[in-house]
C-alpha cells in the first residue's frame, strides 16, 4: 500500500487488493456491503468500479474520513446517508 493510500486506520487494506476481490465477487451495479467501513477503502473502490455500496461505521471520526475519501466521486448529499445513534 502506498503512503498516499494510508489514512491511519489500523486494519486498512490496499485498494489494489480490494479491487481484485470486488471484481471477482460482484458485477457492475451490484450492491456491496461493508459492515465495518472504517476509512472507506471498500466504498471508494466500489465507486471506481461502478458498484453500489452500503458502508456502516460506528466511529464518527472514521465516517468523516470515509466521506471525504469518496466525496470527489459522488454528490454525497444524494448518495450517502449517515446516521449516528
Protein backbone atom coordinates (compact mmCIF):
# COMPACT_ATOMS: atom_id res chain seq x y z
CA UNK A 1 0.00 0.00 0.00
CA UNK A 2 1.44 3.34 -0.96
CA UNK A 3 1.88 6.03 1.65
CA UNK A 4 -0.60 8.10 -0.39
CA UNK A 5 -3.28 5.48 0.37
CA UNK A 6 -2.60 5.22 4.09
CA UNK A 7 -5.15 7.06 6.19
CA UNK A 8 -4.18 5.80 9.64
CA UNK A 9 -6.91 3.22 10.10
CA UNK A 10 -5.34 0.17 11.76
CA UNK A 11 -6.91 -2.50 9.53
CA UNK A 12 -6.92 -0.59 6.23
CA UNK A 13 -6.40 -2.79 3.16
CA UNK A 14 -4.65 -1.81 -0.09
CA UNK A 15 -7.01 -0.57 -2.81
CA UNK A 16 -5.47 -3.00 -5.32
CA UNK A 17 -6.37 -5.98 -3.10
CA UNK A 18 -9.95 -4.80 -2.61
CA UNK A 19 -10.28 -4.09 -6.32
CA UNK A 20 -9.35 -7.70 -7.12
CA UNK A 21 -11.79 -9.05 -4.53
CA UNK A 22 -14.67 -6.82 -5.64
CA UNK A 23 -14.13 -7.56 -9.34
CA UNK A 24 -14.02 -11.31 -8.63
CA UNK A 25 -17.12 -11.37 -6.44
CA UNK A 26 -19.51 -8.82 -7.99
CA UNK A 27 -20.69 -7.26 -11.22
CA UNK A 28 -21.27 -3.64 -12.21
CA UNK A 29 -24.31 -2.17 -10.43
CA UNK A 30 -24.29 -4.92 -7.77
CA UNK A 31 -24.56 -3.78 -4.16
CA UNK A 32 -21.52 -4.35 -1.93
CA UNK A 33 -21.97 -4.21 1.86
CA UNK A 34 -19.06 -3.18 4.06
CA UNK A 35 -20.34 -3.61 7.60
CA UNK A 36 -17.09 -2.30 9.08
CA UNK A 37 -16.42 0.61 6.73
CA UNK A 38 -13.52 2.16 8.61
CA UNK A 39 -11.80 4.76 6.45
CA UNK A 40 -13.81 3.86 3.34
CA UNK A 41 -11.38 1.94 1.17
CA UNK A 42 -14.03 -0.55 0.08
CA UNK A 43 -16.64 2.08 -0.75
CA UNK A 44 -14.08 4.15 -2.66
CA UNK A 45 -13.09 1.13 -4.76
CA UNK A 46 -16.75 0.24 -5.30
CA UNK A 47 -17.40 3.74 -6.57
CA UNK A 48 -14.49 3.45 -9.02
CA UNK A 49 -15.77 0.07 -10.26
CA UNK A 50 -19.41 1.16 -10.73
CA UNK A 51 -20.74 -0.86 -7.81
CA UNK A 52 -23.43 0.39 -5.49
CA UNK A 53 -22.35 0.24 -1.88
CA UNK A 54 -23.51 0.35 1.71
CA UNK A 55 -20.92 1.26 4.31
CA UNK A 56 -21.52 1.01 8.05
CA UNK A 57 -19.18 2.58 10.60
CA UNK A 58 -19.84 3.41 14.25
CA UNK A 59 -17.00 5.89 14.67
CA UNK A 60 -17.95 9.43 13.70
CA UNK A 61 -14.25 10.14 13.10
CA UNK A 62 -13.85 7.40 10.50
CA UNK A 63 -17.26 8.07 8.98
CA UNK A 64 -15.97 11.55 8.18
CA UNK A 65 -12.72 10.12 6.78
CA UNK A 66 -14.75 7.80 4.51
CA UNK A 67 -17.00 10.67 3.46
CA UNK A 68 -14.02 12.80 2.46
CA UNK A 69 -12.46 9.86 0.63
CA UNK A 70 -15.40 9.31 -1.72
CA UNK A 71 -16.54 12.92 -1.90
CA UNK A 72 -14.91 13.57 -5.27
CA UNK A 73 -16.78 10.59 -6.79
CA UNK A 74 -20.36 11.44 -5.89
CA UNK A 75 -22.67 14.09 -4.56
CA UNK A 76 -22.86 12.67 -1.05
CA UNK A 77 -25.98 14.63 -0.21
CA UNK A 78 -27.80 12.41 -2.71
CA UNK A 79 -25.87 9.16 -2.35
CA UNK A 80 -24.72 8.75 1.24
CA UNK A 81 -26.94 8.67 4.29
CA UNK A 82 -25.18 8.82 7.63
CA UNK A 83 -26.83 8.22 10.98
CA UNK A 84 -25.35 8.22 14.45
CA UNK A 85 -27.08 6.71 17.46
